[in-house]
Amino acid sequence: MKNKEFLGTEPIGKLLLKMAIPTVLAQLVNMLYNVVDRIFIGHIEGVGDYALTGVGICMPIIMAISAFAALISIGGAPRASIALGEGKQNNAEKILGNCFSLQIIVSIILTAIILIFKRDLLMAFGASENTIGYAVDYMSIYAIGTIFVQLTLGMNAYITAQGATRVSMISVLIGAIANIVLDPIFIYIFGMGVRGAALATIISQMLSCAWAISFLLGNKTVLKIKKENLKIEADVVLPCIALGLAQFIMQISESVISVCFNSSLQSYGGDIAVGAMTILTSVMQFAMLPLQGVSQGAQPIISYNYGAKNRERVKKSFSLLLRVSLIYSVSLWALIMLFPTAFAGIFTSKPELIEFTGGALRIYCGVLCIFGIQVAAQMTFISLGKALSSITVAVARKFVLLLPLIYIVPRFVENKTMGVYLAEPIADTLAVTFTAILFVFQFKKALKEMDGM
């Protein structure tokens, strides 16, 4: 693991396969944390639909926790990779140490805020009298594990950044297996319901966190957490935050958008429409996480070779990332269009919710086939350290396009509830077009800048 030069020497196709497979598996397994919870919760006898909707109301807060992890780690990890490519080992480890300390501080602040304001937040996010009890029960326990979520997501980014994708995969796998085992025990056998699902999740994240940190403290890591690097320095963390800001905006915007979706759907379609949104969000996580896994597998390759001024390898890495991302997004889109109720049936056994969600799913994922372009371009911006471009496309997609469309589109269609779901494919079409045009210009500029580095 100490040899990092393979990122600049191995054939691109073989290298991306080597890096992406463990990362994709890790992302798929990581998805199980929330998805498995929802599957078990949705099938609780008698109250599963209300319990599922209640947990869905918690998603904006869960997304916000992940967004803050991304703000620090997704910005820091590419900079650490670039530093490794430049041969600056000490700088890379200083980035890791500073970001580790900052994530602990952020975790403590987030935990306090969530525990104090959880009920008010959840009511504002679309909870009803039927669902607020389940939402509060879940969030009260989940919030305590914020630090484990933050450090697991954050430190795994640095494990991946040095090419140790198998280690990061094992980290996630440990937690996911624990979650799958503990969920039915706590939910059904102990009769804890949604509280049991939350408890299973934070115990699982704690195990993943312990594995990731133990690796970064050990002797097999390229990047090591060292005591002398834990003191936070502004000139180290601020560039990381600047680069991570785009991913933060993307993820925090998911939280904001989730609130807007839930509130609009509650007013137009009631609890069934909000419950369907919980399932749609779960399916989209299934769609996005493997794409993110492929792009995160490509990130250290692009970043390292950018730092090493290897122009051709950067071009080849992006080209392969784009092709793989598109193949995946088109394949998943086809499955959703053909079998929408099959996806809905994974999360609930109520026929009316399955039927309603099936129709909404086809609309909501209508242009998923082209979304591989967005993901590939977004991660390449981040991998090259192009913070402004990454932030621009993130803001354009969610805040400039989707947010207003959630409220505009229902005014022009007969079925107001389906009009809310229709905002997503319209926004995605416009966003992917804008991102593709911007990327063509910025990527050419980055390649020219590399020649002069």
Foldseek 3Di string as FASTA:
>chain_A
DQDLCCLVPPDLVVLLCLLQPLLLLLLLLLLLLPLVLLLVQQPDPPQSLLLSLLQLLCVLLVLLLVLVLLLLQLLLLLVLLLCVLLVNLVLSLLSVQQSLLVLQVVLVVSLVVCLVCVLVSSVLLARDPSRSVSNCLQSNLLSVLSSLSSQLSRLLLNCSLSPNSNLNSVLSNQLSVQLNVQSCCQVPVVVNRSNSSSNSSSVSSNSSNVSSLVVLCDDPGNHHHDPVSNDHDCVSRVLSSLLSVLSSLLSSLVSVLSSLLNNQCCVQPNSLLSSLVSLLVSVVSVLVSSLLSSLSSLLSSLSSCLSNLPLVSNVVSLVVSLVVLLVSQQVSLVVLLVCVLVSVCSRHDDVVSSVVSSVLNCLLSVPSNLCSLVSSLLSSCSSLSVSVLSNVLSCQLRPVQLNVQLVVQLVPDPRSSSSNSNSNVVSSVVSSVVSVVVSVVVVVVSSVVSVVD
